[in-house]
Protein backbone atom coordinates (compact mmCIF):
# COMPACT_ATOMS: atom_id res chain seq x y z
CA MET A 1 -7.23 25.96 11.91
CA ARG A 2 -9.72 23.72 10.11
CA ARG A 3 -8.12 21.07 7.92
CA LEU A 4 -9.16 20.65 4.29
CA ASN A 5 -10.90 17.38 3.43
CA LEU A 6 -8.45 15.43 1.27
CA ALA A 7 -9.25 12.71 -1.27
CA ILE A 8 -6.36 10.67 -2.68
CA LEU A 9 -6.71 8.93 -6.05
CA ILE A 10 -4.55 5.86 -6.74
CA SER A 11 -4.22 3.03 -9.25
CA GLY A 12 -1.68 0.76 -7.55
CA ARG A 13 0.24 0.19 -4.34
CA GLY A 14 -0.08 3.80 -3.24
CA SER A 15 3.33 4.49 -1.75
CA ASN A 16 2.87 8.26 -2.18
CA MET A 17 -0.60 7.89 -0.65
CA GLU A 18 1.06 6.27 2.37
CA ALA A 19 3.41 9.25 2.71
CA LEU A 20 0.42 11.61 2.68
CA LEU A 21 -1.54 9.51 5.19
CA HIS A 22 1.49 9.44 7.47
CA ALA A 23 1.89 13.23 7.28
CA ALA A 24 -1.82 13.69 8.00
CA GLU A 25 -1.52 11.74 11.27
CA ASP A 26 -0.22 15.03 12.69
CA PRO A 27 -3.32 17.04 13.74
CA ALA A 28 -1.48 20.22 12.68
CA TYR A 29 -1.20 19.01 9.05
CA PRO A 30 -3.52 21.16 6.90
CA ALA A 31 -5.27 18.25 5.13
CA LYS A 32 -7.39 15.46 6.60
CA PRO A 33 -7.88 12.30 4.48
CA VAL A 34 -11.59 11.56 3.98
CA LEU A 35 -11.38 9.18 0.99
CA VAL A 36 -8.96 7.00 -0.98
CA ALA A 37 -10.40 6.06 -4.36
CA SER A 38 -9.02 3.86 -7.12
CA ASN A 39 -9.94 3.04 -10.70
CA ARG A 40 -8.66 -0.50 -10.05
CA PRO A 41 -10.57 -2.60 -7.49
CA ASP A 42 -7.43 -4.73 -6.92
CA ALA A 43 -5.18 -1.74 -6.09
CA LYS A 44 -3.05 -2.68 -3.08
CA GLY A 45 -3.31 0.86 -1.75
CA LEU A 46 -7.02 0.36 -0.98
CA GLU A 47 -6.08 -2.27 1.61
CA THR A 48 -3.50 0.07 3.13
CA ALA A 49 -6.05 2.89 3.36
CA ALA A 50 -8.70 0.62 4.88
CA ALA A 51 -6.17 -0.58 7.47
CA ALA A 52 -5.59 3.08 8.36
CA ARG A 53 -9.38 3.47 8.76
CA ILE A 54 -9.71 5.80 5.76
CA PRO A 55 -12.93 5.31 3.74
CA THR A 56 -12.25 3.80 0.30
CA ALA A 57 -14.02 3.58 -3.05
CA ALA A 58 -13.20 1.38 -6.03
CA ILE A 59 -14.67 2.46 -9.36
CA ASP A 60 -13.54 0.13 -12.13
CA HIS A 61 -12.90 2.31 -15.18
CA ARG A 62 -13.14 -0.76 -17.45
CA LEU A 63 -16.90 -0.96 -16.83
CA TYR A 64 -17.32 2.36 -18.66
CA GLY A 65 -15.50 1.39 -21.87
CA LYS A 66 -14.29 4.45 -23.73
CA ASP A 67 -16.69 6.80 -21.88
CA ARG A 68 -14.13 8.43 -19.60
CA GLU A 69 -16.51 11.14 -18.46
CA ALA A 70 -19.10 8.58 -17.28
CA PHE A 71 -16.39 6.98 -15.12
CA GLU A 72 -15.37 10.40 -13.79
CA ARG A 73 -18.97 11.36 -12.96
CA GLN A 74 -19.20 8.26 -10.76
CA LEU A 75 -15.85 9.15 -9.19
CA ASP A 76 -17.02 12.74 -8.71
CA ALA A 77 -20.14 11.52 -6.89
CA GLU A 78 -17.91 9.66 -4.40
CA LEU A 79 -15.71 12.74 -3.96
CA GLU A 80 -18.74 14.94 -3.29
CA LYS A 81 -20.26 12.42 -0.88
CA ALA A 82 -17.01 12.47 1.14
CA GLY A 83 -17.02 16.29 1.31
CA THR A 84 -13.76 16.55 -0.65
CA GLU A 85 -12.07 19.96 -0.75
CA ILE A 86 -8.70 19.02 -2.28
CA ILE A 87 -7.63 16.03 -4.40
CA ALA A 88 -4.14 14.52 -4.55
CA LEU A 89 -3.35 12.21 -7.48
CA ALA A 90 -0.88 9.62 -6.20
CA GLY A 91 -0.05 7.21 -9.00
CA PHE A 92 -3.51 7.60 -10.55
CA MET A 93 -2.89 6.26 -14.05
CA ARG A 94 -5.78 7.90 -15.89
CA VAL A 95 -5.73 11.00 -18.06
CA LEU A 96 -8.54 13.19 -16.73
CA THR A 97 -11.09 14.80 -19.05
CA PRO A 98 -11.52 18.57 -19.38
CA TRP A 99 -14.87 18.19 -17.57
CA PHE A 100 -13.27 16.73 -14.42
CA VAL A 101 -10.26 19.04 -14.47
CA GLY A 102 -12.53 22.05 -15.00
CA LYS A 103 -14.70 21.11 -12.04
CA TRP A 104 -11.79 20.58 -9.62
CA GLU A 105 -9.24 23.06 -11.04
CA GLY A 106 -7.38 24.88 -8.30
CA ARG A 107 -8.08 22.00 -5.89
CA LEU A 108 -6.36 19.18 -7.82
CA VAL A 109 -2.66 18.33 -7.49
CA ASN A 110 -0.43 15.61 -8.94
CA ILE A 111 3.07 14.26 -8.40
CA HIS A 112 5.13 13.54 -11.51
CA PRO A 113 8.54 11.79 -11.69
CA SER A 114 10.50 14.42 -13.61
CA LEU A 115 11.65 18.00 -13.28
CA LEU A 116 8.78 19.58 -15.17
CA PRO A 117 8.47 21.03 -17.74
CA LYS A 118 10.92 18.31 -18.86
CA TYR A 119 9.59 14.83 -19.69
CA ARG A 120 5.84 15.03 -19.41
CA GLY A 121 4.07 11.69 -19.70
CA LEU A 122 5.68 8.27 -19.27
CA HIS A 123 9.22 6.76 -19.08
CA THR A 124 10.59 9.94 -17.53
CA HIS A 125 13.69 8.43 -15.91
CA GLN A 126 14.78 6.60 -19.07
CA ARG A 127 14.32 9.78 -21.09
CA ALA A 128 16.41 11.80 -18.60
CA ILE A 129 19.23 9.21 -18.74
CA GLU A 130 19.14 8.98 -22.54
CA SER A 131 19.30 12.78 -22.81
CA GLY A 132 22.49 12.84 -20.73
CA ASP A 133 20.92 14.96 -17.98
CA ALA A 134 22.97 15.55 -14.82
CA GLU A 135 19.90 15.19 -12.63
CA GLY A 136 16.37 13.85 -12.50
CA GLY A 137 13.74 14.35 -9.89
CA CYS A 138 10.06 14.89 -9.22
CA SER A 139 7.52 17.70 -9.30
CA VAL A 140 4.23 18.36 -7.55
CA HIS A 141 2.00 20.53 -9.72
CA TRP A 142 -1.52 21.84 -10.07
CA VAL A 143 -3.47 19.77 -12.60
CA SER A 144 -4.56 21.61 -15.74
CA ALA A 145 -6.20 20.43 -18.97
CA GLY A 146 -2.82 19.58 -20.57
CA VAL A 147 -1.07 16.43 -19.30
CA ASP A 148 1.60 17.41 -16.72
CA GLU A 149 1.39 21.05 -17.85
CA GLY A 150 0.03 22.71 -14.69
CA GLU A 151 1.96 25.21 -12.58
CA VAL A 152 4.69 23.58 -10.46
CA ILE A 153 4.26 23.88 -6.67
CA ALA A 154 7.58 22.29 -5.60
CA GLN A 155 10.35 20.02 -6.92
CA ALA A 156 13.06 17.72 -5.59
CA ARG A 157 16.28 17.00 -7.51
CA VAL A 158 18.28 13.76 -7.63
CA PRO A 159 21.69 13.41 -9.33
CA ILE A 160 21.90 10.91 -12.18
CA LEU A 161 24.87 8.67 -11.41
CA PRO A 162 27.18 6.85 -13.85
CA GLY A 163 25.64 3.45 -14.60
CA ASP A 164 22.14 4.49 -13.51
CA THR A 165 19.27 2.55 -15.06
CA GLU A 166 15.63 3.56 -15.24
CA ASP A 167 14.99 1.38 -12.17
CA THR A 168 17.87 2.62 -10.01
CA LEU A 169 17.05 6.25 -10.74
CA ALA A 170 13.33 5.65 -10.15
CA ALA A 171 14.07 4.10 -6.75
CA ARG A 172 16.11 7.12 -5.61
CA VAL A 173 13.53 9.59 -6.96
CA LEU A 174 10.73 7.72 -5.16
CA VAL A 175 12.46 8.34 -1.82
CA GLU A 176 12.35 12.07 -2.58
CA GLU A 177 8.73 11.87 -3.78
CA HIS A 178 7.70 10.60 -0.35
CA LYS A 179 9.35 13.64 1.27
CA LEU A 180 8.21 16.18 -1.31
CA TYR A 181 4.53 15.33 -1.69
CA PRO A 182 3.42 15.98 1.92
CA ARG A 183 5.31 19.29 1.94
CA ALA A 184 3.95 20.39 -1.44
CA LEU A 185 0.39 19.34 -0.57
CA ALA A 186 0.60 21.48 2.57
CA MET A 187 1.68 24.40 0.35
CA ALA A 188 -1.30 23.72 -1.93
CA CYS A 189 -3.67 23.73 1.05
CA GLU A 190 -2.27 27.10 2.16
CA ALA A 191 -2.71 28.46 -1.38
CA ILE A 192 -6.36 27.36 -1.39
CA ARG A 193 -6.94 28.93 2.03
CA SER A 194 -5.42 32.23 0.98
CA GLY A 195 -7.39 32.21 -2.29
CA LYS A 196 -4.13 32.12 -4.28
């Protein structure tokens, strides 16, 4: 079975990227990393990817001012050059334009630290605690034009404990993210192969 060419987009340390790279070390995994790209040239994850011999690209979004699409067209050129077939957002802290989402729709997945459709956007753990929820968690979903609105592929649940803070809950959810994302990305690859 041929593996799909995977690009991973990051903005920071890339811990979910590391989980995906680790999963892809298995030749039976359905995705093969061909590029790690970041909108921040100082992203620690770029060093990690380079150490794993994965090609990297740094495209500083600040150089494009408010022209988000111009930034994305440069990013898209790098994705095309690498032969990308599926994109995983792994802590990529940019809202994508309808142009980019439209081009890659059905081949673009994201991990989000809440049980979608609850708590789209930021500060998800704090919002779950303040709402008195019994559990938090994470979701891997297809990216659509609306922020964190795409169809959910898979989720992992984490109980919210008495005395939990945003940081303690986030730390426990992150452990589950690292397990969930490789599994959910494999499901996404299978969906693409079968023409979902």
